[in-house]
Amino acid sequence: MIFRRKIYEKLLEWKRESDGHSALLIEGARRIGKSTIVEEFAKKEYESYLLIDFAAASRSVRELFEDVSDLNYLFLQLQLQFKVDLIERKSLIIFDEVQLCPLARQAVKQLVKDRRYDYIETGSLISIRRNVKDILIPSEERRLNMYPMDFEEFLWALGDKVSFPLIQQCFEAERGVGQQVNRKLMRDFRLYMLVGGMPQAVSEFISANNFRKVDLIKRDILSLYEDDFKKIDPTGRATLLFDAIPAQLNKNASRYQVSSVLENARAGDLLEIIAELADSRTVLTAYHANDPNAGLSANKDLTKFKLYLCDTGLFTTLMFKDRDFTENELYEKLLNDKLSANLGYLYENVVAQQLAACGNELFYYTFPTETSKHNYEIDFILTRKNKICPIEVKSSGYKSHASLNAFSEKFSSRILKKYIAYTKDYAKDQDHFYIPVYMTPFL
């Protein structure tokens, strides 16, 4: 199925504003629909297009990019080999999986300067060191990150184009949607958490309405990611760090405890692997803000972090990867809102996913309680208007917020608004805003 994706509007904006003066690089995790949406864009917005999939391209095609001094020859050969007529200023050339042919990416500088055609590059693991070694990164490249389908796109896929705009209206008006509507939206949201935003999984759910089949597809995607991690780090450490993400979040610790996954290892020794996991776009990294203020990026601790999955649907499958699908009741429990308290970190992951997809860097903050036996923790912090907005995530409708209260006392002058993301309808209590978790994209 070809799903409606928000990135399409950004592609149109690039085409209109760039007018051939820049190429577009779309970066994202594997299987999120990059190639599909770009080809759909090419079909609708250009008179012709040429797609080079470097995962399958012949040696003769790859060799064309070793010398781009004669572009007339290059374009002639491409048209002959792909049997496509290229029309000046009316054709698009797509470099799919461009990380597999670094010289093609380097050639973008000359191709854009020529201005005969438009260019879009897609790929994953694009920033990994070995994929940029010995090439000149073109400054004519405009980058665009793509993420799995968000909740609104998921609703579109289910045929619902009404709910999300109404949710936004309610958020902006600081009022609820009503208890009955909230129950319906929360059920849809929990369904989204189970299926996830991978187009292949969504398509399977729509066509088969079978969680077992959806789960198998997600397991295949996870296996694909783990194969990629072996390319990043043949020692297997990256794979182990990835697989342990649900268990690490379940510990409710103040950071990802590397030493509990890799014996005798410290976070400071693995900064490169952590960075490459983040560059794979399969993982979202939230760093500890040592001094939470408007300049969060300047106060992050690279050795103190939490890891989340880019897609909560994959997260639900990774949690029980070592079991057969029928051995757990997670799908049924989550869909029917009977999730046990110790699985609440699923909501934390989906909030991280939604915030990142809206362009936010992820930061959190911990500090000791009065007894110092436990820590207070603010799950996420956003910067708005030279102030900060702390967010506490709840997997239920409970309104308790001890960490938020303690944080407010400590940093009262820095706070713009305080949010509790939970499962009930929108509410406001003095200066605390309680928002249903599906409203977090509007923060």
Protein backbone atom coordinates (compact mmCIF):
# COMPACT_ATOMS: atom_id res chain seq x y z
CA MET A 1 0.00 0.00 0.00
CA ILE A 2 1.08 3.57 -0.69
CA PHE A 3 0.32 5.62 2.41
CA ARG A 4 -0.05 9.37 2.72
CA ARG A 5 3.04 10.77 4.43
CA LYS A 6 3.69 14.26 5.77
CA ILE A 7 7.15 14.33 4.25
CA TYR A 8 5.52 14.66 0.82
CA GLU A 9 4.74 18.32 1.56
CA LYS A 10 8.38 18.88 2.46
CA LEU A 11 9.42 17.34 -0.85
CA LEU A 12 7.12 19.76 -2.67
CA GLU A 13 8.56 22.65 -0.68
CA TRP A 14 12.12 21.61 -1.58
CA LYS A 15 11.26 21.31 -5.29
CA ARG A 16 9.64 24.74 -5.31
CA GLU A 17 12.28 26.58 -3.28
CA SER A 18 15.40 24.86 -4.57
CA ASP A 19 14.58 24.95 -8.28
CA GLY A 20 17.54 22.69 -8.98
CA HIS A 21 20.08 24.53 -6.83
CA SER A 22 20.32 21.75 -4.22
CA ALA A 23 19.91 18.01 -3.94
CA LEU A 24 17.76 16.52 -1.20
CA LEU A 25 19.14 13.82 1.10
CA ILE A 26 16.47 11.84 2.96
CA GLU A 27 17.94 9.94 5.86
CA GLY A 28 16.19 7.45 8.10
CA ALA A 29 16.06 3.91 9.42
CA ARG A 30 15.50 0.97 7.10
CA ARG A 31 11.91 0.09 6.12
CA ILE A 32 10.28 3.39 7.06
CA GLY A 33 9.13 4.07 3.49
CA LYS A 34 11.80 6.42 2.11
CA SER A 35 12.08 4.80 -1.32
CA THR A 36 8.33 4.37 -1.68
CA ILE A 37 7.41 7.98 -0.98
CA VAL A 38 10.22 9.38 -3.15
CA GLU A 39 9.22 7.25 -6.13
CA GLU A 40 5.59 8.25 -5.63
CA PHE A 41 6.73 11.90 -5.58
CA ALA A 42 8.73 11.36 -8.78
CA LYS A 43 5.74 9.83 -10.59
CA LYS A 44 3.40 12.66 -9.66
CA GLU A 45 5.64 15.73 -9.81
CA TYR A 46 7.98 15.06 -12.78
CA GLU A 47 7.53 14.13 -16.42
CA SER A 48 10.09 11.33 -16.04
CA TYR A 49 12.39 9.93 -13.39
CA LEU A 50 15.33 7.57 -13.13
CA LEU A 51 15.86 5.48 -10.00
CA ILE A 52 19.24 3.95 -9.25
CA ASP A 53 19.04 1.43 -6.42
CA PHE A 54 22.65 1.02 -5.35
CA ALA A 55 21.74 -2.12 -3.43
CA ALA A 56 21.12 -3.78 -6.81
CA ALA A 57 23.02 -1.57 -9.29
CA SER A 58 25.46 -3.24 -11.66
CA ARG A 59 29.19 -2.61 -11.59
CA SER A 60 28.94 -0.68 -14.86
CA VAL A 61 26.47 1.77 -13.28
CA ARG A 62 28.64 2.26 -10.20
CA GLU A 63 31.72 2.84 -12.34
CA LEU A 64 30.01 5.76 -14.08
CA PHE A 65 30.47 7.82 -10.91
CA GLU A 66 34.21 7.27 -10.70
CA ASP A 67 34.69 10.06 -13.24
CA VAL A 68 32.03 12.74 -13.65
CA SER A 69 34.09 15.14 -15.72
CA ASP A 70 31.89 14.44 -18.77
CA LEU A 71 28.27 14.73 -17.65
CA ASN A 72 26.94 14.36 -21.18
CA TYR A 73 28.42 10.87 -21.28
CA LEU A 74 27.11 10.07 -17.79
CA PHE A 75 23.54 11.06 -18.62
CA LEU A 76 23.63 9.27 -21.96
CA GLN A 77 24.76 6.04 -20.32
CA LEU A 78 22.16 6.29 -17.57
CA GLN A 79 19.38 6.79 -20.11
CA LEU A 80 20.58 3.86 -22.17
CA GLN A 81 20.98 1.48 -19.23
CA PHE A 82 17.72 2.40 -17.51
CA LYS A 83 15.74 3.05 -20.71
CA VAL A 84 14.45 6.39 -19.46
CA ASP A 85 14.28 9.69 -21.35
CA LEU A 86 15.53 12.52 -19.15
CA ILE A 87 14.00 15.94 -19.82
CA GLU A 88 15.90 19.04 -18.81
CA ARG A 89 14.43 20.65 -15.63
CA LYS A 90 11.51 18.20 -15.78
CA SER A 91 13.16 14.97 -14.64
CA LEU A 92 14.26 13.61 -11.29
CA ILE A 93 17.19 11.27 -10.66
CA ILE A 94 16.94 9.21 -7.46
CA PHE A 95 19.98 7.72 -5.75
CA ASP A 96 18.43 5.02 -3.55
CA GLU A 97 20.59 3.51 -0.77
CA VAL A 98 23.23 6.08 -1.69
CA GLN A 99 25.42 5.06 1.26
CA LEU A 100 26.37 1.98 -0.78
CA CYS A 101 27.99 4.16 -3.47
CA PRO A 102 29.81 7.06 -1.76
CA LEU A 103 31.19 8.33 -5.08
CA ALA A 104 27.65 8.92 -6.33
CA ARG A 105 27.02 11.07 -3.30
CA GLN A 106 30.23 12.99 -3.89
CA ALA A 107 29.17 13.54 -7.53
CA VAL A 108 26.12 15.49 -6.37
CA LYS A 109 28.22 18.66 -6.24
CA GLN A 110 28.87 18.56 -9.99
CA LEU A 111 25.40 17.28 -10.84
CA VAL A 112 23.64 20.12 -8.99
CA LYS A 113 25.99 22.68 -10.50
CA ASP A 114 24.97 21.40 -13.95
CA ARG A 115 21.26 21.97 -13.05
CA ARG A 116 19.80 19.86 -15.84
CA TYR A 117 17.86 17.63 -13.47
CA ASP A 118 16.75 17.39 -9.86
CA TYR A 119 18.29 14.89 -7.44
CA ILE A 120 17.04 13.08 -4.34
CA GLU A 121 19.23 10.73 -2.33
CA THR A 122 17.84 8.24 0.15
CA GLY A 123 19.58 5.90 2.54
CA SER A 124 20.28 4.62 6.00
CA LEU A 125 23.60 4.44 7.85
CA ILE A 126 24.54 7.46 5.72
CA SER A 127 26.62 9.15 8.41
CA ILE A 128 28.48 6.01 9.50
CA ARG A 129 32.19 6.73 9.26
CA ARG A 130 33.07 4.08 6.69
CA ASN A 131 30.34 5.38 4.35
CA VAL A 132 31.83 8.88 4.20
CA LYS A 133 35.50 7.95 4.32
CA ASP A 134 37.63 9.58 1.61
CA ILE A 135 34.76 11.46 -0.05
CA LEU A 136 33.88 15.15 -0.11
CA ILE A 137 30.42 15.69 1.37
CA PRO A 138 28.59 18.03 -1.03
CA SER A 139 27.51 21.34 0.47
CA GLU A 140 24.72 21.41 -2.13
CA GLU A 141 22.93 18.71 -0.14
CA ARG A 142 19.87 19.63 1.90
CA ARG A 143 19.19 17.03 4.60
CA LEU A 144 15.81 15.81 5.72
CA ASN A 145 15.20 13.22 8.42
CA MET A 146 12.35 10.77 7.92
CA TYR A 147 10.71 8.83 10.73
CA PRO A 148 8.24 5.96 10.98
CA MET A 149 4.58 6.87 10.49
CA ASP A 150 3.34 9.05 13.33
CA PHE A 151 -0.07 8.73 14.97
CA GLU A 152 -1.77 11.08 12.51
CA GLU A 153 -0.36 9.19 9.53
CA PHE A 154 -1.49 5.95 11.17
CA LEU A 155 -5.01 7.36 11.50
CA TRP A 156 -4.91 8.40 7.84
CA ALA A 157 -4.02 4.83 6.92
CA LEU A 158 -7.09 3.65 8.86
CA GLY A 159 -9.24 6.12 6.95
CA ASP A 160 -9.58 8.70 9.76
CA LYS A 161 -8.74 12.21 8.56
CA VAL A 162 -10.88 14.02 11.13
CA SER A 163 -9.65 13.10 14.62
CA PHE A 164 -6.16 14.60 14.65
CA PRO A 165 -7.11 18.16 13.57
CA LEU A 166 -9.81 18.11 16.27
CA ILE A 167 -7.23 16.94 18.84
CA GLN A 168 -5.02 19.87 17.88
CA GLN A 169 -7.91 22.32 18.18
CA CYS A 170 -8.66 21.05 21.68
CA PHE A 171 -5.02 21.29 22.73
CA GLU A 172 -4.69 24.85 21.47
CA ALA A 173 -7.96 25.82 23.18
CA GLU A 174 -6.75 24.14 26.41
CA ARG A 175 -9.80 21.92 26.73
CA GLY A 176 -10.52 18.22 26.65
CA VAL A 177 -12.09 16.08 23.95
CA GLY A 178 -14.57 14.50 26.37
CA GLN A 179 -14.28 11.23 28.26
CA GLN A 180 -16.02 9.08 25.66
CA VAL A 181 -13.97 10.44 22.76
CA ASN A 182 -10.77 10.16 24.82
CA ARG A 183 -11.45 6.47 25.48
CA LYS A 184 -11.87 5.89 21.75
CA LEU A 185 -8.73 7.88 20.87
CA MET A 186 -6.68 6.12 23.55
CA ARG A 187 -7.73 2.75 22.14
CA ASP A 188 -6.63 3.91 18.67
CA PHE A 189 -3.38 5.18 20.18
CA ARG A 190 -2.71 1.89 21.95
CA LEU A 191 -3.35 0.14 18.63
CA TYR A 192 -0.73 2.43 17.09
CA MET A 193 1.71 1.53 19.88
CA LEU A 194 1.21 -2.17 19.08
CA VAL A 195 1.36 -2.04 15.29
CA GLY A 196 3.86 0.79 15.07
CA GLY A 197 4.66 3.09 12.19
CA MET A 198 6.55 0.79 9.83
CA PRO A 199 4.51 0.92 6.58
CA GLN A 200 4.89 -2.81 5.97
CA ALA A 201 3.49 -3.61 9.43
CA VAL A 202 0.64 -1.12 9.01
CA SER A 203 -0.20 -2.56 5.60
CA GLU A 204 -0.27 -6.10 7.01
CA PHE A 205 -2.53 -5.03 9.87
CA ILE A 206 -4.99 -3.35 7.50
CA SER A 207 -5.11 -6.27 5.09
CA ALA A 208 -5.00 -9.18 7.56
CA ASN A 209 -6.17 -7.67 10.89
CA ASN A 210 -3.90 -10.20 12.56
CA PHE A 211 -1.40 -9.24 15.26
CA ARG A 212 0.59 -12.45 14.80
CA LYS A 213 1.33 -11.59 11.15
CA VAL A 214 2.20 -8.02 12.09
CA ASP A 215 4.54 -9.31 14.78
CA LEU A 216 6.36 -11.54 12.28
CA ILE A 217 6.99 -8.58 10.01
CA LYS A 218 8.38 -6.55 12.90
CA ARG A 219 10.66 -9.42 13.87
CA ASP A 220 11.99 -9.47 10.30
CA ILE A 221 12.70 -5.74 10.49
CA LEU A 222 14.51 -6.15 13.82
CA SER A 223 16.64 -8.93 12.29
CA LEU A 224 17.48 -6.59 9.41
CA TYR A 225 18.58 -3.92 11.87
CA GLU A 226 20.74 -6.36 13.77
CA ASP A 227 22.45 -7.37 10.53
CA ASP A 228 23.23 -3.69 9.99
CA PHE A 229 24.65 -3.40 13.49
CA LYS A 230 27.10 -6.18 12.67
CA LYS A 231 28.37 -3.97 9.85
CA ILE A 232 28.80 -1.09 12.29
CA ASP A 233 30.44 -3.19 14.97
CA PRO A 234 31.50 -6.77 14.08
CA THR A 235 32.19 -7.50 17.77
CA GLY A 236 28.43 -7.63 18.40
CA ARG A 237 28.44 -4.95 21.10
CA ALA A 238 26.09 -2.67 19.14
CA THR A 239 23.57 -5.52 18.78
CA LEU A 240 23.72 -6.29 22.50
CA LEU A 241 23.21 -2.63 23.39
CA PHE A 242 20.22 -2.44 21.05
CA ASP A 243 18.56 -5.63 22.27
CA ALA A 244 18.86 -4.52 25.90
CA ILE A 245 16.94 -1.25 25.46
CA PRO A 246 13.59 -2.52 26.85
CA ALA A 247 15.29 -4.19 29.83
CA GLN A 248 17.27 -1.03 30.56
CA LEU A 249 14.17 1.16 30.54
CA ASN A 250 12.38 -1.38 32.71
CA LYS A 251 15.03 -0.91 35.42
CA ASN A 252 13.88 2.68 35.83
CA ALA A 253 17.51 3.65 36.38
CA SER A 254 18.86 7.15 35.94
CA ARG A 255 20.81 6.13 32.84
CA TYR A 256 21.52 3.30 30.43
CA GLN A 257 23.77 1.02 32.50
CA VAL A 258 26.32 -0.11 29.94
CA SER A 259 28.22 -2.27 32.42
CA SER A 260 25.17 -4.47 33.01
CA VAL A 261 25.03 -5.27 29.29
CA LEU A 262 28.75 -5.40 28.46
CA GLU A 263 30.89 -6.62 31.33
CA ASN A 264 33.54 -4.15 32.52
CA ALA A 265 32.48 -1.60 29.91
CA ARG A 266 31.84 2.07 30.63
CA ALA A 267 29.67 4.48 28.70
CA GLY A 268 32.66 6.72 28.06
CA ASP A 269 34.44 3.88 26.25
CA LEU A 270 31.53 3.31 23.88
CA LEU A 271 30.69 6.84 22.74
CA GLU A 272 31.49 6.02 19.12
CA ILE A 273 29.24 2.95 19.05
CA ILE A 274 26.42 4.89 20.74
CA ALA A 275 26.81 7.69 18.18
CA GLU A 276 26.69 5.20 15.31
CA LEU A 277 23.58 3.54 16.73
CA ALA A 278 21.99 6.99 16.78
CA ASP A 279 23.22 7.63 13.21
CA SER A 280 21.47 4.46 12.11
CA ARG A 281 18.22 6.26 13.04
CA THR A 282 16.93 3.03 14.60
CA VAL A 283 17.67 4.40 18.07
CA LEU A 284 16.73 7.66 19.79
CA THR A 285 19.17 9.00 22.37
CA ALA A 286 18.08 11.13 25.32
CA TYR A 287 20.98 12.80 27.14
CA HIS A 288 21.07 13.95 30.72
CA ALA A 289 20.94 17.73 31.04
CA ASN A 290 23.35 18.56 33.85
CA ASP A 291 21.99 22.08 34.21
CA PRO A 292 18.44 22.23 32.81
CA ASN A 293 17.94 25.61 31.17
CA ALA A 294 17.23 27.06 27.73
CA GLY A 295 20.67 25.96 26.50
CA LEU A 296 20.13 22.22 26.96
CA SER A 297 22.55 21.18 24.21
CA ALA A 298 25.41 22.96 25.96
CA ASN A 299 24.78 21.06 29.20
CA LYS A 300 24.30 17.48 28.07
CA ASP A 301 26.35 14.64 29.50
CA LEU A 302 27.47 12.32 26.70
CA THR A 303 28.21 9.53 29.17
CA LYS A 304 24.78 9.65 30.81
CA PHE A 305 21.95 8.76 28.46
CA LYS A 306 18.87 6.68 27.80
CA LEU A 307 18.09 4.82 24.59
CA TYR A 308 14.71 4.40 22.94
CA LEU A 309 13.59 2.71 19.73
CA CYS A 310 12.60 4.84 16.76
CA ASP A 311 9.32 2.91 16.56
CA THR A 312 7.26 1.80 19.54
CA GLY A 313 5.71 -1.02 17.51
CA LEU A 314 9.19 -2.49 17.13
CA PHE A 315 9.74 -1.87 20.85
CA THR A 316 6.76 -4.05 21.80
CA THR A 317 8.18 -6.88 19.69
CA LEU A 318 11.75 -6.47 20.95
CA MET A 319 10.49 -6.77 24.54
CA PHE A 320 9.53 -10.38 23.88
CA LYS A 321 11.91 -11.25 21.07
CA ASP A 322 13.09 -14.39 22.83
CA ARG A 323 9.55 -15.80 23.05
CA ASP A 324 7.01 -16.96 20.54
CA PHE A 325 4.24 -14.44 19.93
CA THR A 326 1.59 -16.69 21.49
CA GLU A 327 3.47 -16.94 24.78
CA ASN A 328 2.69 -13.39 25.85
CA GLU A 329 -0.52 -11.43 26.23
CA LEU A 330 1.03 -8.02 25.74
CA TYR A 331 -1.02 -7.18 22.64
CA GLU A 332 -4.34 -8.00 24.25
CA LYS A 333 -3.47 -6.30 27.55
CA LEU A 334 -2.21 -3.11 25.97
CA LEU A 335 -5.10 -2.81 23.53
CA ASN A 336 -7.65 -3.29 26.34
CA ASP A 337 -5.84 -0.91 28.72
CA LYS A 338 -4.91 -3.67 31.15
CA LEU A 339 -1.20 -3.03 30.97
CA SER A 340 0.63 -3.79 34.21
CA ALA A 341 2.52 -0.94 35.83
CA ASN A 342 5.94 -2.39 35.08
CA LEU A 343 5.27 -2.13 31.34
CA GLY A 344 4.61 1.59 31.52
CA TYR A 345 7.91 2.42 29.86
CA LEU A 346 6.17 1.68 26.56
CA TYR A 347 4.51 5.06 26.99
CA GLU A 348 7.87 6.66 27.69
CA ASN A 349 9.18 5.25 24.40
CA VAL A 350 6.21 6.48 22.38
CA VAL A 351 6.53 9.98 23.86
CA ALA A 352 10.22 9.98 22.93
CA GLN A 353 9.28 8.88 19.42
CA GLN A 354 6.67 11.62 19.00
CA LEU A 355 8.91 14.38 20.36
CA ALA A 356 11.83 13.35 18.12
CA ALA A 357 9.61 13.16 15.03
CA CYS A 358 8.59 16.78 15.69
CA GLY A 359 12.23 17.86 15.57
CA ASN A 360 13.02 17.97 19.30
CA GLU A 361 16.31 16.84 20.77
CA LEU A 362 15.70 14.55 23.72
CA PHE A 363 16.88 15.49 27.22
CA TYR A 364 16.00 14.30 30.71
CA TYR A 365 17.06 15.21 34.24
CA THR A 366 17.55 13.30 37.50
CA PHE A 367 18.42 14.52 40.98
CA PRO A 368 18.46 12.88 44.43
CA THR A 369 15.49 12.85 46.77
CA GLU A 370 15.74 14.05 50.35
CA THR A 371 16.67 10.52 51.48
CA SER A 372 19.02 9.99 48.49
CA LYS A 373 17.83 6.37 48.25
CA HIS A 374 15.99 7.13 45.03
CA ASN A 375 16.17 9.80 42.38
CA TYR A 376 13.59 12.25 41.18
CA GLU A 377 13.38 12.09 37.41
CA ILE A 378 11.94 14.36 34.76
CA ASP A 379 11.36 12.15 31.73
CA PHE A 380 11.77 14.85 29.09
CA ILE A 381 12.61 18.55 28.94
CA LEU A 382 11.80 20.88 26.05
CA THR A 383 12.99 24.45 25.51
CA ARG A 384 10.39 27.05 24.60
CA LYS A 385 10.72 30.87 24.60
CA ASN A 386 14.01 30.85 26.54
CA LYS A 387 12.34 28.72 29.20
CA ILE A 388 12.00 24.99 29.80
CA CYS A 389 8.96 22.71 29.83
CA PRO A 390 9.40 19.57 31.97
CA ILE A 391 7.33 16.50 31.04
CA GLU A 392 6.46 13.58 33.28
CA VAL A 393 5.04 10.48 31.56
CA LYS A 394 2.41 8.28 33.20
CA SER A 395 1.12 4.96 31.89
CA SER A 396 -2.22 5.49 33.62
CA GLY A 397 -4.60 8.23 34.66
CA TYR A 398 -2.88 8.94 37.99
CA LYS A 399 -2.10 12.59 38.56
CA SER A 400 0.70 12.23 41.12
CA HIS A 401 3.85 14.11 40.19
CA ALA A 402 6.35 14.17 43.05
CA SER A 403 9.33 14.55 40.70
CA LEU A 404 7.71 17.44 38.90
CA ASN A 405 6.95 19.18 42.20
CA ALA A 406 10.52 18.82 43.42
CA PHE A 407 11.86 20.00 40.05
CA SER A 408 9.56 23.04 40.18
CA GLU A 409 10.87 24.03 43.59
CA LYS A 410 14.44 23.69 42.38
CA PHE A 411 14.09 25.56 39.08
CA SER A 412 10.89 27.60 39.39
CA SER A 413 12.24 30.69 37.58
CA ARG A 414 13.22 28.65 34.52
CA ILE A 415 9.90 26.90 33.87
CA LEU A 416 7.37 28.02 31.26
CA LYS A 417 4.82 25.19 31.56
CA LYS A 418 4.68 21.82 33.34
CA TYR A 419 3.15 18.81 31.62
CA ILE A 420 1.99 15.38 32.73
CA ALA A 421 1.39 13.08 29.75
CA TYR A 422 -1.07 10.39 30.79
CA THR A 423 -4.06 8.35 29.53
CA LYS A 424 -7.04 10.46 30.63
CA ASP A 425 -8.62 13.53 29.06
CA TYR A 426 -7.03 16.99 29.03
CA ALA A 427 -7.16 18.80 32.37
CA LYS A 428 -5.52 21.72 34.13
CA ASP A 429 -4.81 21.97 37.83
CA GLN A 430 -3.32 25.33 38.79
CA ASP A 431 -0.09 25.46 36.78
CA HIS A 432 -0.01 21.76 35.82
CA PHE A 433 -1.24 20.68 32.39
CA TYR A 434 -2.46 17.08 32.14
CA ILE A 435 -2.49 16.00 28.52
CA PRO A 436 -3.50 12.69 26.95
CA VAL A 437 -0.40 11.07 25.52
CA TYR A 438 -1.62 11.50 21.93
CA MET A 439 -1.33 15.30 22.37
CA THR A 440 2.44 15.30 22.93
CA PRO A 441 3.21 16.19 19.27
CA PHE A 442 1.76 19.66 19.96
CA LEU A 443 4.07 20.52 22.86
